[in-house]
Protein backbone atom coordinates (compact mmCIF):
# COMPACT_ATOMS: atom_id res chain seq x y z
CA MET A 1 -13.20 -68.21 77.25
CA ARG A 2 -15.59 -65.22 76.91
CA PRO A 3 -15.91 -64.68 80.76
CA LEU A 4 -12.17 -64.77 81.20
CA LEU A 5 -11.55 -62.25 78.39
CA THR A 6 -14.15 -59.97 79.77
CA ALA A 7 -12.71 -60.08 83.32
CA ALA A 8 -9.22 -59.42 81.90
CA LEU A 9 -10.43 -56.32 80.02
CA ILE A 10 -12.02 -54.97 83.19
CA LEU A 11 -9.05 -55.61 85.47
CA ALA A 12 -6.17 -54.74 83.09
CA PRO A 13 -6.32 -50.95 83.55
CA ILE A 14 -6.46 -51.32 87.29
CA LEU A 15 -3.52 -53.76 87.26
CA GLY A 16 -1.40 -51.31 85.23
CA TYR A 17 -2.15 -48.45 87.61
CA THR A 18 -0.88 -50.45 90.64
CA GLN A 19 2.77 -50.04 89.59
CA ASP A 20 2.70 -46.55 91.23
CA ALA A 21 -0.02 -47.22 93.85
CA SER A 22 0.42 -50.86 94.78
CA ASP A 23 -0.61 -50.43 98.47
CA ASN A 24 -4.16 -49.47 97.53
CA PHE A 25 -5.01 -52.19 94.97
CA TYR A 26 -7.10 -55.27 95.66
CA ILE A 27 -8.69 -58.16 93.70
CA GLY A 28 -11.15 -60.85 94.80
CA VAL A 29 -13.33 -63.80 93.90
CA SER A 30 -16.59 -64.92 95.35
CA GLY A 31 -19.46 -67.38 94.86
CA GLY A 32 -23.05 -67.57 96.05
CA VAL A 33 -26.70 -67.76 95.29
CA PHE A 34 -28.45 -65.64 92.64
CA SER A 35 -32.16 -65.13 93.29
CA TYR A 36 -34.81 -64.09 90.65
CA ARG A 37 -38.36 -63.09 91.46
CA GLU A 38 -41.04 -61.64 89.07
CA THR A 39 -44.02 -60.03 90.83
CA LEU A 40 -47.27 -58.35 89.91
CA THR A 41 -48.70 -55.42 91.91
CA VAL A 42 -52.53 -55.39 92.09
CA ARG A 43 -55.05 -53.15 93.78
CA ASP A 44 -56.21 -54.60 97.11
CA TYR A 45 -58.47 -52.44 99.24
CA GLY A 46 -58.03 -54.77 102.21
CA ALA A 47 -54.23 -54.31 102.23
CA LEU A 48 -52.46 -51.75 104.41
CA PHE A 49 -51.48 -49.46 101.47
CA GLY A 50 -54.22 -50.47 99.12
CA VAL A 51 -52.07 -52.79 96.94
CA SER A 52 -50.79 -56.35 97.14
CA GLU A 53 -47.85 -58.07 95.53
CA ILE A 54 -48.26 -61.48 93.78
CA THR A 55 -45.27 -63.67 92.95
CA LEU A 56 -45.52 -64.86 89.30
CA PHE A 57 -42.20 -66.74 89.10
CA GLU A 58 -39.31 -67.37 91.38
CA ASP A 59 -36.03 -69.32 90.95
CA HIS A 60 -32.46 -69.54 92.29
CA THR A 61 -29.13 -70.52 90.81
CA HIS A 62 -25.48 -70.25 91.57
CA ALA A 63 -23.38 -67.20 90.73
CA SER A 64 -19.62 -66.41 90.61
CA ARG A 65 -17.77 -63.08 90.58
CA VAL A 66 -14.25 -61.72 89.96
CA TYR A 67 -13.46 -58.09 90.75
CA GLY A 68 -10.72 -55.54 91.21
CA GLY A 69 -10.71 -52.26 93.09
CA TYR A 70 -8.66 -49.33 94.17
CA ARG A 71 -8.86 -47.69 97.62
CA ILE A 72 -8.94 -43.90 97.10
CA THR A 73 -8.90 -43.21 100.87
CA ASP A 74 -9.28 -45.35 103.94
CA ARG A 75 -13.02 -44.98 103.64
CA TRP A 76 -13.72 -44.84 99.87
CA SER A 77 -12.83 -47.15 97.04
CA VAL A 78 -13.92 -47.79 93.44
CA GLU A 79 -14.49 -51.31 92.09
CA ALA A 80 -15.17 -53.04 88.80
CA GLY A 81 -16.51 -56.62 88.59
CA TYR A 82 -17.73 -59.39 86.31
CA SER A 83 -20.38 -61.91 87.44
CA ALA A 84 -21.93 -64.95 85.75
CA THR A 85 -24.90 -67.03 86.84
CA GLY A 86 -26.07 -70.50 86.23
CA ALA A 87 -29.24 -71.28 84.36
CA LEU A 88 -32.72 -70.17 85.54
CA GLY A 89 -35.62 -72.11 84.18
CA SER A 90 -39.39 -72.05 83.70
CA THR A 91 -41.64 -74.83 82.47
CA ASP A 92 -45.33 -74.45 81.51
CA PHE A 93 -48.14 -76.44 79.97
CA PHE A 94 -51.04 -74.71 78.21
CA PHE A 95 -53.65 -75.02 75.48
CA ASP A 96 -53.36 -72.83 72.33
CA PRO A 97 -56.34 -72.65 69.92
CA ILE A 98 -54.06 -73.11 66.94
CA LEU A 99 -51.16 -75.28 68.25
CA GLY A 100 -53.21 -77.38 70.61
CA ASP A 101 -51.54 -78.69 73.80
CA VAL A 102 -48.03 -77.05 74.27
CA ASP A 103 -45.20 -77.95 76.55
CA SER A 104 -42.99 -74.97 76.98
CA ASP A 105 -39.46 -74.85 78.55
CA VAL A 106 -37.53 -71.52 78.91
CA ASN A 107 -34.06 -71.20 80.44
CA TRP A 108 -31.72 -68.30 80.60
CA ASP A 109 -28.53 -67.11 82.32
CA TYR A 110 -26.89 -63.75 83.03
CA GLU A 111 -23.54 -62.03 82.63
CA LEU A 112 -23.19 -58.84 84.74
CA LEU A 113 -20.61 -56.06 84.43
CA SER A 114 -20.59 -53.57 87.23
CA MET A 115 -18.86 -50.32 88.35
CA ARG A 116 -19.49 -49.13 91.84
CA ALA A 117 -18.19 -46.97 94.66
CA LEU A 118 -17.88 -48.33 98.21
CA TRP A 119 -17.77 -46.72 101.61
CA THR A 120 -16.03 -48.72 104.40
CA GLY A 121 -16.41 -48.43 108.13
CA ARG A 122 -13.71 -50.07 110.14
CA PHE A 123 -14.27 -51.55 113.66
CA GLY A 124 -10.84 -52.58 114.88
CA PRO A 125 -7.90 -53.90 112.87
CA MET A 126 -9.71 -56.93 111.47
CA PHE A 127 -13.53 -56.25 111.07
CA SER A 128 -15.20 -53.83 108.72
CA LEU A 129 -18.57 -53.12 107.19
CA PHE A 130 -19.17 -51.63 103.69
CA ALA A 131 -21.90 -50.31 101.50
CA GLY A 132 -22.06 -48.85 98.05
CA GLY A 133 -23.70 -48.64 94.65
CA GLY A 134 -23.15 -48.06 90.99
CA LEU A 135 -24.13 -49.05 87.52
CA VAL A 136 -24.57 -52.49 85.99
CA THR A 137 -24.94 -53.92 82.48
CA VAL A 138 -26.73 -57.23 82.20
CA ASP A 139 -26.49 -59.62 79.16
CA SER A 140 -28.75 -62.62 79.04
CA LEU A 141 -29.04 -65.60 76.73
CA ILE A 142 -32.54 -67.06 76.47
CA ASN A 143 -33.33 -70.58 75.14
CA VAL A 144 -37.01 -71.40 74.36
CA SER A 145 -38.16 -74.95 73.57
CA GLU A 146 -41.79 -75.87 72.74
CA THR A 147 -43.43 -79.13 71.86
CA SER A 148 -47.02 -78.88 70.49
CA ALA A 149 -49.63 -81.33 69.27
CA CYS A 150 -49.68 -79.42 66.02
CA CYS A 151 -46.04 -78.79 65.05
CA GLY A 152 -43.87 -81.06 67.22
CA ALA A 153 -40.65 -79.63 68.69
CA LEU A 154 -39.55 -76.10 68.11
CA SER A 155 -36.60 -74.21 69.59
CA LEU A 156 -35.36 -70.60 69.65
CA SER A 157 -32.40 -68.78 71.17
CA TYR A 158 -31.82 -65.00 71.48
CA SER A 159 -29.91 -62.59 73.64
CA GLU A 160 -30.91 -59.39 75.45
CA ARG A 161 -29.07 -56.54 77.12
CA ASP A 162 -30.33 -54.38 80.01
CA ARG A 163 -28.76 -51.60 82.12
CA GLY A 164 -29.59 -50.58 85.60
CA ALA A 165 -28.31 -49.76 89.03
CA THR A 166 -26.78 -51.92 91.79
CA ALA A 167 -26.41 -51.57 95.58
CA THR A 168 -24.39 -53.72 97.93
CA PHE A 169 -23.96 -54.22 101.65
CA GLY A 170 -21.34 -56.44 103.23
CA MET A 171 -18.68 -57.18 105.83
CA GLU A 172 -15.03 -58.22 105.81
CA TRP A 173 -12.75 -60.07 108.25
CA ALA A 174 -9.05 -59.31 107.54
CA LEU A 175 -6.47 -62.07 107.88
CA GLY A 176 -3.25 -60.23 106.90
CA ALA A 177 -3.21 -59.51 103.21
CA VAL A 178 -6.25 -61.75 102.65
CA ALA A 179 -9.78 -60.89 103.78
CA LEU A 180 -12.94 -62.99 104.00
CA ARG A 181 -15.79 -61.05 102.38
CA GLY A 182 -19.48 -61.62 102.52
CA GLU A 183 -21.98 -59.45 100.72
CA TRP A 184 -25.49 -58.91 99.54
CA GLU A 185 -25.84 -57.21 96.15
CA LEU A 186 -29.15 -56.07 94.69
CA PHE A 187 -29.90 -55.19 91.11
CA PHE A 188 -32.53 -52.68 89.94
CA LEU A 189 -33.37 -53.50 86.40
CA GLU A 190 -37.21 -53.49 85.77
CA ASN A 191 -40.35 -52.78 87.69
CA ASP A 192 -41.74 -55.86 89.46
CA LEU A 193 -38.45 -57.77 89.09
CA ASP A 194 -36.32 -58.47 92.16
CA THR A 195 -32.81 -59.91 91.57
CA ASP A 196 -29.99 -60.19 94.06
CA VAL A 197 -26.86 -62.23 94.95
CA LEU A 198 -25.86 -63.44 98.40
CA SER A 199 -22.15 -64.41 98.26
CA ILE A 200 -18.97 -65.08 100.17
CA GLY A 201 -15.34 -65.04 98.95
CA LEU A 202 -11.76 -63.91 99.39
CA LYS A 203 -10.13 -60.58 98.75
CA TRP A 204 -6.37 -60.01 98.32
CA GLU A 205 -4.68 -56.64 98.93
CA PHE A 206 -1.37 -55.55 97.36
């Protein structure tokens, strides 16, 4: 219920505006793969630029998105969207001097709210390329479960919020009022953290 309410709040102002500018409004849905990669940059005198990048953790999950936008001109548009991911997970086994042997399981998911501006280049009546960027707010729910020789099973859940920037690149193939859209969206949240979504979906123009 929460994702549907969030999407409705984002799209409602745009929907209301279309009564006087219906030819410029569009909505869409998409699904794809969300990629998460944590890295560590270390000094490496043998590397080309004197540093190397080590991957600490990497995972992938599914993602879905609903969005709405308004075409200001034939080239420029503004767009608001809501995305949700599946669960990412990390498991680990280690020894703690106090707890003894510990099995740790951490999983989390994301909800992303974005506002962005897009520039579109058209190549004939059907095919176009687009690129753009904007701001994103990311909410995550983290669940931690640990089983130790000392204390048995323990669990903890908490939420976090982060803000950053987003950039996207994509293409569209128009089929009348419906277009097939594929895009690659990147999120810039923290240093040494790479997150992006590769997706495909449908867009409806009104």
